[in-house]
Amino acid sequence: MREEIIVNGIVLYTTLVGEYDKRLVILTKERGKITVFANGARRPNSVLRAASQSFVMGKFTVIPGREAYNLSKVEVDEYFSDIAYDMEKMCYASYFTELMSYYTREGDFCTNNLNLLYFTLKALLEDKLSNRLIQSIYEIKLMDIEGQAIHAYSCVKCDSKDNLYYFDAASGGLVCEKCAIKNKLNKKVSTTLVYTLQYILSVPYNKLYGFKLEDYAEEELSWVSNRFRCQYIDKNFKSLEILSTLA
């Protein structure tokens, strides 16, 4: 029999298997994204029942198999259960885990991913920022972790640090006025947008959600993050489609 191992992680999503079992996809610090079967988790008296839910964070004791793991026990740190009582928050949280699942694989180094997801779910529950702002910050930071950061400290074309008044998703980031004229760009951005991008890309995860924006700046950041995501991610996310129907 294979030995049990303990992994730290967050359940990204779950699916039903058979009459009593569940299949969990867990983002772990030690082994990246793994598939775990929770046998009997849907039985009323199962010790795994409460812990076999989306967004649960904790220490998972698992037994490696040929293609997946079997769940033995869970020591829960956070349930994030209140998310389920708000349809909009539930959709946003589902999108965050769906986007994370898109990027991660088994064997990946996922400490940064796990930290980002944890602080994002906490921000979602705290209700201090709008869900739209949380989404923009999350997208920008996750793409940065995955090596697709917005070029925000200098012109993406000539590397000048002056007059960064334009944004071009196809080029990868901010563009100075001179290069914008040369390349016939017409989407100007505010200095607030520039400073906000630099802040998101530079601060530790526990400070990511420590600021607010005026409505115009929040809308501008959302436009930038959406354009950048669509430019580099060729996938339709079901949770985003559902969110669009709630707007």
Protein backbone atom coordinates (compact mmCIF):
# COMPACT_ATOMS: atom_id res chain seq x y z
CA MET A 1 0.00 0.00 0.00
CA ARG A 2 1.28 3.46 -0.89
CA GLU A 3 2.14 5.83 1.93
CA GLU A 4 -0.06 8.79 2.79
CA ILE A 5 1.22 12.28 2.07
CA ILE A 6 0.00 15.65 3.34
CA VAL A 7 -0.52 18.55 0.94
CA ASN A 8 -1.64 22.12 1.65
CA GLY A 9 -4.18 23.52 -0.74
CA ILE A 10 -7.57 24.87 -1.79
CA VAL A 11 -10.31 22.90 -3.53
CA LEU A 12 -10.84 24.50 -6.94
CA TYR A 13 -13.98 22.55 -7.83
CA THR A 14 -15.78 19.26 -7.25
CA THR A 15 -17.81 16.82 -9.35
CA LEU A 16 -20.07 13.95 -8.34
CA VAL A 17 -18.93 10.39 -8.99
CA GLY A 18 -21.26 7.43 -8.68
CA GLU A 19 -23.79 7.40 -5.85
CA TYR A 20 -21.66 8.45 -2.89
CA ASP A 21 -18.26 9.66 -4.10
CA LYS A 22 -16.74 12.97 -5.19
CA ARG A 23 -13.89 14.01 -7.44
CA LEU A 24 -11.97 17.02 -6.16
CA VAL A 25 -9.50 19.18 -8.05
CA ILE A 26 -7.17 20.74 -5.50
CA LEU A 27 -4.52 23.40 -6.00
CA THR A 28 -1.65 22.41 -3.71
CA LYS A 29 1.55 24.10 -2.69
CA GLU A 30 3.58 20.91 -2.90
CA ARG A 31 2.28 19.17 -6.05
CA GLY A 32 0.43 21.75 -8.10
CA LYS A 33 -3.08 20.94 -9.31
CA ILE A 34 -4.07 17.39 -8.44
CA THR A 35 -7.17 15.22 -8.83
CA VAL A 36 -8.37 13.57 -5.62
CA PHE A 37 -11.21 11.07 -5.14
CA ALA A 38 -13.16 11.38 -1.90
CA ASN A 39 -14.79 7.99 -1.58
CA GLY A 40 -18.05 8.01 0.36
CA ALA A 41 -17.90 11.81 0.84
CA ARG A 42 -21.60 12.20 0.02
CA ARG A 43 -22.77 9.80 2.72
CA PRO A 44 -24.52 11.65 5.59
CA ASN A 45 -22.09 10.34 8.22
CA SER A 46 -18.87 10.76 6.19
CA VAL A 47 -16.03 12.59 7.95
CA LEU A 48 -15.07 13.94 4.50
CA ARG A 49 -18.48 15.43 3.70
CA ALA A 50 -17.97 19.01 4.94
CA ALA A 51 -14.40 19.25 3.67
CA SER A 52 -15.19 17.99 0.16
CA GLN A 53 -16.57 21.33 -1.04
CA SER A 54 -15.29 24.00 -3.42
CA PHE A 55 -13.07 26.70 -1.88
CA VAL A 56 -12.19 24.66 1.25
CA MET A 57 -8.61 25.36 2.32
CA GLY A 58 -6.56 23.07 4.52
CA LYS A 59 -4.18 20.16 4.89
CA PHE A 60 -5.27 17.19 2.81
CA THR A 61 -3.97 13.72 3.62
CA VAL A 62 -3.98 11.77 0.36
CA ILE A 63 -2.82 8.41 -0.95
CA PRO A 64 -1.17 8.52 -4.40
CA GLY A 65 -2.64 6.28 -7.09
CA ARG A 66 -1.74 5.61 -10.70
CA GLU A 67 -3.59 8.58 -12.19
CA ALA A 68 -5.08 10.35 -9.17
CA TYR A 69 -5.08 10.47 -5.37
CA ASN A 70 -7.49 9.14 -2.77
CA LEU A 71 -8.51 11.39 0.10
CA SER A 72 -7.92 10.00 3.59
CA LYS A 73 -8.59 12.97 5.87
CA VAL A 74 -8.68 16.78 5.91
CA GLU A 75 -7.65 19.36 8.48
CA VAL A 76 -9.64 22.44 7.43
CA ASP A 77 -8.20 25.93 7.90
CA GLU A 78 -10.91 27.89 6.03
CA TYR A 79 -14.25 26.84 4.56
CA PHE A 80 -15.15 30.12 2.79
CA SER A 81 -18.68 28.77 3.10
CA ASP A 82 -20.36 32.20 3.15
CA ILE A 83 -19.53 32.59 -0.54
CA ALA A 84 -22.30 30.11 -1.33
CA TYR A 85 -24.96 32.47 0.11
CA ASP A 86 -24.33 35.20 -2.47
CA MET A 87 -24.95 34.23 -6.11
CA GLU A 88 -22.71 36.96 -7.52
CA LYS A 89 -19.83 36.20 -5.17
CA MET A 90 -20.24 32.50 -5.95
CA CYS A 91 -19.87 33.23 -9.66
CA TYR A 92 -16.79 35.39 -9.10
CA ALA A 93 -15.18 32.76 -6.86
CA SER A 94 -15.95 30.10 -9.47
CA TYR A 95 -14.33 32.25 -12.13
CA PHE A 96 -11.23 32.74 -9.99
CA THR A 97 -10.84 28.98 -9.53
CA GLU A 98 -11.65 28.32 -13.20
CA LEU A 99 -8.94 30.74 -14.33
CA MET A 100 -6.50 29.25 -11.83
CA SER A 101 -7.27 25.76 -13.11
CA TYR A 102 -6.60 26.94 -16.68
CA TYR A 103 -3.06 27.96 -15.76
CA THR A 104 -1.94 25.22 -13.35
CA ARG A 105 -0.80 21.62 -13.82
CA GLU A 106 0.33 18.79 -11.59
CA GLY A 107 3.95 19.22 -10.61
CA ASP A 108 3.85 23.02 -10.87
CA PHE A 109 5.33 25.26 -8.19
CA CYS A 110 2.14 26.84 -6.85
CA THR A 111 2.98 28.69 -3.63
CA ASN A 112 2.38 32.08 -5.26
CA ASN A 113 -0.82 30.86 -6.95
CA LEU A 114 -2.13 29.53 -3.66
CA ASN A 115 -1.36 32.76 -1.82
CA LEU A 116 -3.09 34.79 -4.51
CA LEU A 117 -6.23 32.64 -4.47
CA TYR A 118 -6.41 32.68 -0.67
CA PHE A 119 -6.18 36.47 -0.33
CA THR A 120 -8.59 36.91 -3.24
CA LEU A 121 -11.27 34.75 -1.64
CA LYS A 122 -10.79 36.63 1.64
CA ALA A 123 -11.20 39.97 -0.17
CA LEU A 124 -14.35 38.68 -1.83
CA LEU A 125 -15.89 37.90 1.56
CA GLU A 126 -14.74 41.09 3.30
CA ASP A 127 -16.87 43.30 1.01
CA LYS A 128 -14.49 46.25 1.21
CA LEU A 129 -13.87 46.38 -2.55
CA SER A 130 -16.20 45.90 -5.50
CA ASN A 131 -16.20 42.45 -7.06
CA ARG A 132 -15.20 44.03 -10.37
CA LEU A 133 -12.07 45.56 -8.85
CA ILE A 134 -11.15 42.27 -7.18
CA GLN A 135 -11.49 40.54 -10.55
CA SER A 136 -9.19 43.03 -12.28
CA ILE A 137 -6.52 42.77 -9.61
CA TYR A 138 -6.70 38.98 -9.61
CA GLU A 139 -6.40 38.67 -13.40
CA ILE A 140 -3.44 41.04 -13.61
CA LYS A 141 -1.57 39.41 -10.74
CA LEU A 142 -2.22 35.83 -11.88
CA MET A 143 -1.02 36.57 -15.40
CA ASP A 144 2.08 38.14 -13.84
CA ILE A 145 2.73 34.94 -11.86
CA GLU A 146 2.39 32.94 -15.07
CA GLY A 147 4.93 35.05 -16.95
CA GLN A 148 2.42 37.21 -18.84
CA ALA A 149 2.76 40.43 -16.89
CA ILE A 150 1.55 43.73 -18.29
CA HIS A 151 4.59 45.83 -19.24
CA ALA A 152 3.89 48.72 -16.88
CA TYR A 153 7.14 50.42 -15.89
CA SER A 154 8.31 51.65 -19.28
CA CYS A 155 7.18 51.86 -22.88
CA VAL A 156 6.80 48.36 -24.27
CA LYS A 157 8.18 49.56 -27.62
CA CYS A 158 11.12 51.84 -26.81
CA ASP A 159 11.60 51.32 -23.03
CA SER A 160 11.16 55.01 -22.24
CA LYS A 161 9.81 55.70 -18.74
CA ASP A 162 8.29 59.06 -19.69
CA ASN A 163 4.83 59.99 -20.93
CA LEU A 164 3.25 56.55 -20.56
CA TYR A 165 -0.16 57.73 -21.71
CA TYR A 166 -1.32 54.80 -23.86
CA PHE A 167 -2.13 51.10 -23.52
CA ASP A 168 -1.83 48.49 -26.27
CA ALA A 169 -2.81 44.92 -25.32
CA ALA A 170 -1.40 43.47 -28.56
CA SER A 171 2.03 44.93 -27.76
CA GLY A 172 1.87 43.81 -24.13
CA GLY A 173 1.47 46.98 -22.09
CA LEU A 174 1.95 50.71 -21.78
CA VAL A 175 3.18 52.85 -24.65
CA CYS A 176 4.76 56.30 -24.53
CA GLU A 177 3.25 59.22 -26.40
CA LYS A 178 5.94 59.27 -29.08
CA CYS A 179 5.51 55.57 -29.94
CA ALA A 180 1.73 55.87 -29.75
CA ILE A 181 1.75 58.59 -32.41
CA LYS A 182 4.13 56.55 -34.54
CA ASN A 183 1.93 53.45 -34.26
CA LYS A 184 -1.37 55.36 -34.52
CA LEU A 185 -2.66 54.32 -31.10
CA ASN A 186 -5.59 56.28 -29.72
CA LYS A 187 -6.46 54.66 -26.36
CA LYS A 188 -5.08 56.99 -23.72
CA VAL A 189 -4.93 55.97 -20.05
CA SER A 190 -4.69 57.98 -16.86
CA THR A 191 -1.70 58.30 -14.56
CA THR A 192 -3.87 56.59 -11.93
CA LEU A 193 -4.01 53.53 -14.16
CA VAL A 194 -0.23 53.50 -14.54
CA TYR A 195 0.36 53.75 -10.78
CA THR A 196 -2.30 51.13 -10.08
CA LEU A 197 -0.74 48.61 -12.45
CA GLN A 198 2.68 49.17 -10.92
CA TYR A 199 1.23 48.74 -7.42
CA ILE A 200 -0.51 45.46 -8.31
CA LEU A 201 2.63 44.04 -9.90
CA SER A 202 4.94 44.99 -7.02
CA VAL A 203 3.18 44.50 -3.67
CA PRO A 204 3.03 41.27 -1.63
CA TYR A 205 -0.18 39.26 -1.77
CA ASN A 206 -1.45 40.37 1.64
CA LYS A 207 -1.49 44.01 0.44
CA LEU A 208 -3.03 43.43 -2.99
CA TYR A 209 -6.54 44.36 -1.94
CA GLY A 210 -5.63 47.26 0.34
CA PHE A 211 -6.74 50.14 -1.91
CA LYS A 212 -9.85 51.57 -3.53
CA LEU A 213 -10.36 53.45 -6.79
CA GLU A 214 -12.77 56.07 -8.03
CA ASP A 215 -15.41 54.67 -10.38
CA TYR A 216 -13.71 55.99 -13.51
CA ALA A 217 -10.35 54.46 -12.50
CA GLU A 218 -11.96 51.14 -11.58
CA GLU A 219 -13.70 51.03 -14.96
CA GLU A 220 -10.44 51.86 -16.72
CA LEU A 221 -8.56 49.11 -14.88
CA SER A 222 -11.33 46.64 -15.73
CA TRP A 223 -11.09 47.58 -19.41
CA VAL A 224 -7.32 47.05 -19.39
CA SER A 225 -7.44 43.70 -17.58
CA ASN A 226 -10.24 42.41 -19.83
CA ARG A 227 -8.43 43.45 -23.02
CA PHE A 228 -5.18 41.93 -21.80
CA ARG A 229 -6.82 38.66 -20.77
CA CYS A 230 -8.68 38.31 -24.07
CA GLN A 231 -5.48 39.06 -25.99
CA TYR A 232 -3.50 36.23 -24.39
CA ILE A 233 -6.05 33.66 -23.20
CA ASP A 234 -7.98 31.86 -25.92
CA LYS A 235 -10.72 30.37 -23.77
CA ASN A 236 -14.32 31.11 -22.84
CA PHE A 237 -14.99 30.76 -19.14
CA LYS A 238 -18.43 29.49 -18.16
CA SER A 239 -18.46 31.45 -14.91
CA LEU A 240 -17.85 34.71 -16.80
CA GLU A 241 -20.76 33.92 -19.10
CA ILE A 242 -23.01 33.45 -16.08
CA LEU A 243 -21.73 36.68 -14.53
CA SER A 244 -22.63 38.58 -17.70
CA THR A 245 -26.27 37.51 -17.24
CA LEU A 246 -26.29 38.92 -13.69
CA ALA A 247 -25.10 42.38 -14.70
